[in-house]
Amino acid sequence: MFVISDSLVGADKNLTSSQAIYFSFVTAATIGYGDISPKDESIQHVIILQIMLSLSFIVMFIANVSGKLGMGALAVSPPNDGEAIPTQDPGD
């Protein structure tokens, strides 16, 4: 059961697909306008799971992008003039 702008939407009437998508995006963005909110406790548990998954995906996306940017931007390789890089013998 959901509340949409102070009117109750129960089992006899479901959210439209555009309302459900809107609610999911607002929830995932952690904006929470308050015009659509879950009223039933079981629905609230589902929304908590959706929030946790959405935030996890956002964190993984940012970590992935920053990791790839960091590898390219921060990894500085020494110039190679065609010479072999000297190595030390472990016995030295």
C-alpha atoms as a PDB file:
ATOM      1  CA  MET A   1       0.000   0.000   0.000  1.00  0.00           C
ATOM      2  CA  PHE A   2       1.316   3.447  -0.941  1.00  0.00           C
ATOM      3  CA  VAL A   3       0.295   7.004  -0.147  1.00  0.00           C
ATOM      4  CA  ILE A   4       0.349   9.335  -3.143  1.00  0.00           C
ATOM      5  CA  SER A   5      -0.091  13.026  -2.326  1.00  0.00           C
ATOM      6  CA  ASP A   6      -2.251  12.337   0.752  1.00  0.00           C
ATOM      7  CA  SER A   7      -4.508   9.835  -1.061  1.00  0.00           C
ATOM      8  CA  LEU A   8      -4.245   6.161  -0.180  1.00  0.00           C
ATOM      9  CA  VAL A   9      -3.517   3.639  -2.938  1.00  0.00           C
ATOM     10  CA  GLY A  10      -4.525   0.201  -1.657  1.00  0.00           C
ATOM     11  CA  ALA A  11      -4.690  -3.326  -2.939  1.00  0.00           C
ATOM     12  CA  ASP A  12      -7.545  -2.482  -5.315  1.00  0.00           C
ATOM     13  CA  LYS A  13      -5.458   0.116  -7.196  1.00  0.00           C
ATOM     14  CA  ASN A  14      -1.782  -0.247  -8.090  1.00  0.00           C
ATOM     15  CA  LEU A  15       0.816   2.346  -8.963  1.00  0.00           C
ATOM     16  CA  THR A  16       1.043   3.067 -12.664  1.00  0.00           C
ATOM     17  CA  SER A  17       4.283   2.038 -14.325  1.00  0.00           C
ATOM     18  CA  SER A  18       5.417   5.657 -14.605  1.00  0.00           C
ATOM     19  CA  GLN A  19       4.686   6.229 -10.898  1.00  0.00           C
ATOM     20  CA  ALA A  20       6.638   3.084  -9.970  1.00  0.00           C
ATOM     21  CA  ILE A  21       9.644   4.108 -12.090  1.00  0.00           C
ATOM     22  CA  TYR A  22       9.499   7.638 -10.663  1.00  0.00           C
ATOM     23  CA  PHE A  23       9.362   6.257  -7.115  1.00  0.00           C
ATOM     24  CA  SER A  24      12.311   3.928  -7.785  1.00  0.00           C
ATOM     25  CA  PHE A  25      14.475   6.729  -9.206  1.00  0.00           C
ATOM     26  CA  VAL A  26      13.624   9.098  -6.350  1.00  0.00           C
ATOM     27  CA  THR A  27      14.414   6.324  -3.864  1.00  0.00           C
ATOM     28  CA  ALA A  28      17.690   5.345  -5.578  1.00  0.00           C
ATOM     29  CA  ALA A  29      18.802   8.976  -5.726  1.00  0.00           C
ATOM     30  CA  THR A  30      18.003   9.307  -1.996  1.00  0.00           C
ATOM     31  CA  ILE A  31      16.013  12.458  -2.741  1.00  0.00           C
ATOM     32  CA  GLY A  32      12.702  11.347  -1.259  1.00  0.00           C
ATOM     33  CA  TYR A  33      10.237  14.062  -2.295  1.00  0.00           C
ATOM     34  CA  GLY A  34       7.559  12.549  -0.087  1.00  0.00           C
ATOM     35  CA  ASP A  35       4.779  12.613  -2.676  1.00  0.00           C
ATOM     36  CA  ILE A  36       4.809   8.800  -2.891  1.00  0.00           C
ATOM     37  CA  SER A  37       5.622   6.821   0.222  1.00  0.00           C
ATOM     38  CA  PRO A  38       5.133   3.213   1.323  1.00  0.00           C
ATOM     39  CA  LYS A  39       2.523   2.791   4.041  1.00  0.00           C
ATOM     40  CA  ASP A  40       2.457  -0.975   4.586  1.00  0.00           C
ATOM     41  CA  GLU A  41       5.263  -2.432   6.733  1.00  0.00           C
ATOM     42  CA  SER A  42       6.076  -5.235   4.268  1.00  0.00           C
ATOM     43  CA  ILE A  43       6.439  -2.683   1.453  1.00  0.00           C
ATOM     44  CA  GLN A  44       8.712  -0.588   3.681  1.00  0.00           C
ATOM     45  CA  HIS A  45      11.013  -3.606   4.093  1.00  0.00           C
ATOM     46  CA  VAL A  46      11.174  -4.038   0.313  1.00  0.00           C
ATOM     47  CA  ILE A  47      12.015  -0.339  -0.082  1.00  0.00           C
ATOM     48  CA  ILE A  48      14.805  -0.636   2.518  1.00  0.00           C
ATOM     49  CA  LEU A  49      16.271  -3.483   0.448  1.00  0.00           C
ATOM     50  CA  GLN A  50      15.967  -1.357  -2.709  1.00  0.00           C
ATOM     51  CA  ILE A  51      17.790   1.537  -1.022  1.00  0.00           C
ATOM     52  CA  MET A  52      20.606  -0.735   0.159  1.00  0.00           C
ATOM     53  CA  LEU A  53      21.024  -2.269  -3.305  1.00  0.00           C
ATOM     54  CA  SER A  54      20.887   1.108  -5.046  1.00  0.00           C
ATOM     55  CA  LEU A  55      23.535   2.602  -2.769  1.00  0.00           C
ATOM     56  CA  SER A  56      25.719  -0.496  -3.208  1.00  0.00           C
ATOM     57  CA  PHE A  57      25.546  -0.180  -6.987  1.00  0.00           C
ATOM     58  CA  ILE A  58      26.356   3.538  -6.801  1.00  0.00           C
ATOM     59  CA  VAL A  59      29.386   2.852  -4.575  1.00  0.00           C
ATOM     60  CA  MET A  60      30.605   0.046  -6.867  1.00  0.00           C
ATOM     61  CA  PHE A  61      30.195   2.265  -9.935  1.00  0.00           C
ATOM     62  CA  ILE A  62      32.135   5.150  -8.371  1.00  0.00           C
ATOM     63  CA  ALA A  63      34.869   2.784  -7.128  1.00  0.00           C
ATOM     64  CA  ASN A  64      35.159   1.200 -10.569  1.00  0.00           C
ATOM     65  CA  VAL A  65      35.354   4.527 -12.403  1.00  0.00           C
ATOM     66  CA  SER A  66      37.775   6.095  -9.927  1.00  0.00           C
ATOM     67  CA  GLY A  67      39.941   2.955 -10.014  1.00  0.00           C
ATOM     68  CA  LYS A  68      40.170   3.099 -13.787  1.00  0.00           C
ATOM     69  CA  LEU A  69      40.857   6.836 -13.755  1.00  0.00           C
ATOM     70  CA  GLY A  70      43.460   6.405 -11.032  1.00  0.00           C
ATOM     71  CA  MET A  71      45.304   3.721 -12.971  1.00  0.00           C
ATOM     72  CA  GLY A  72      45.598   5.921 -16.031  1.00  0.00           C
ATOM     73  CA  ALA A  73      46.151   9.252 -14.345  1.00  0.00           C
ATOM     74  CA  LEU A  74      48.370   8.245 -11.430  1.00  0.00           C
ATOM     75  CA  ALA A  75      50.387   5.408 -12.888  1.00  0.00           C
ATOM     76  CA  VAL A  76      53.559   7.068 -14.152  1.00  0.00           C
ATOM     77  CA  SER A  77      55.947   4.820 -15.969  1.00  0.00           C
ATOM     78  CA  PRO A  78      59.605   5.784 -16.353  1.00  0.00           C
ATOM     79  CA  PRO A  79      60.693   6.738 -19.841  1.00  0.00           C
ATOM     80  CA  ASN A  80      62.154   3.834 -21.761  1.00  0.00           C
ATOM     81  CA  ASP A  81      64.860   4.805 -24.248  1.00  0.00           C
ATOM     82  CA  GLY A  82      65.152   1.289 -25.553  1.00  0.00           C
ATOM     83  CA  GLU A  83      67.588   0.378 -22.794  1.00  0.00           C
ATOM     84  CA  ALA A  84      67.037  -2.551 -20.534  1.00  0.00           C
ATOM     85  CA  ILE A  85      66.105  -1.651 -16.996  1.00  0.00           C
ATOM     86  CA  PRO A  86      68.939  -2.724 -14.699  1.00  0.00           C
ATOM     87  CA  THR A  87      68.036  -5.305 -12.128  1.00  0.00           C
ATOM     88  CA  GLN A  88      69.907  -6.324  -9.036  1.00  0.00           C
ATOM     89  CA  ASP A  89      70.975  -9.862  -8.511  1.00  0.00           C
ATOM     90  CA  PRO A  90      69.302 -11.235  -5.355  1.00  0.00           C
ATOM     91  CA  GLY A  91      72.687 -12.659  -4.320  1.00  0.00           C
ATOM     92  CA  ASP A  92      74.252  -9.190  -4.046  1.00  0.00           C
END
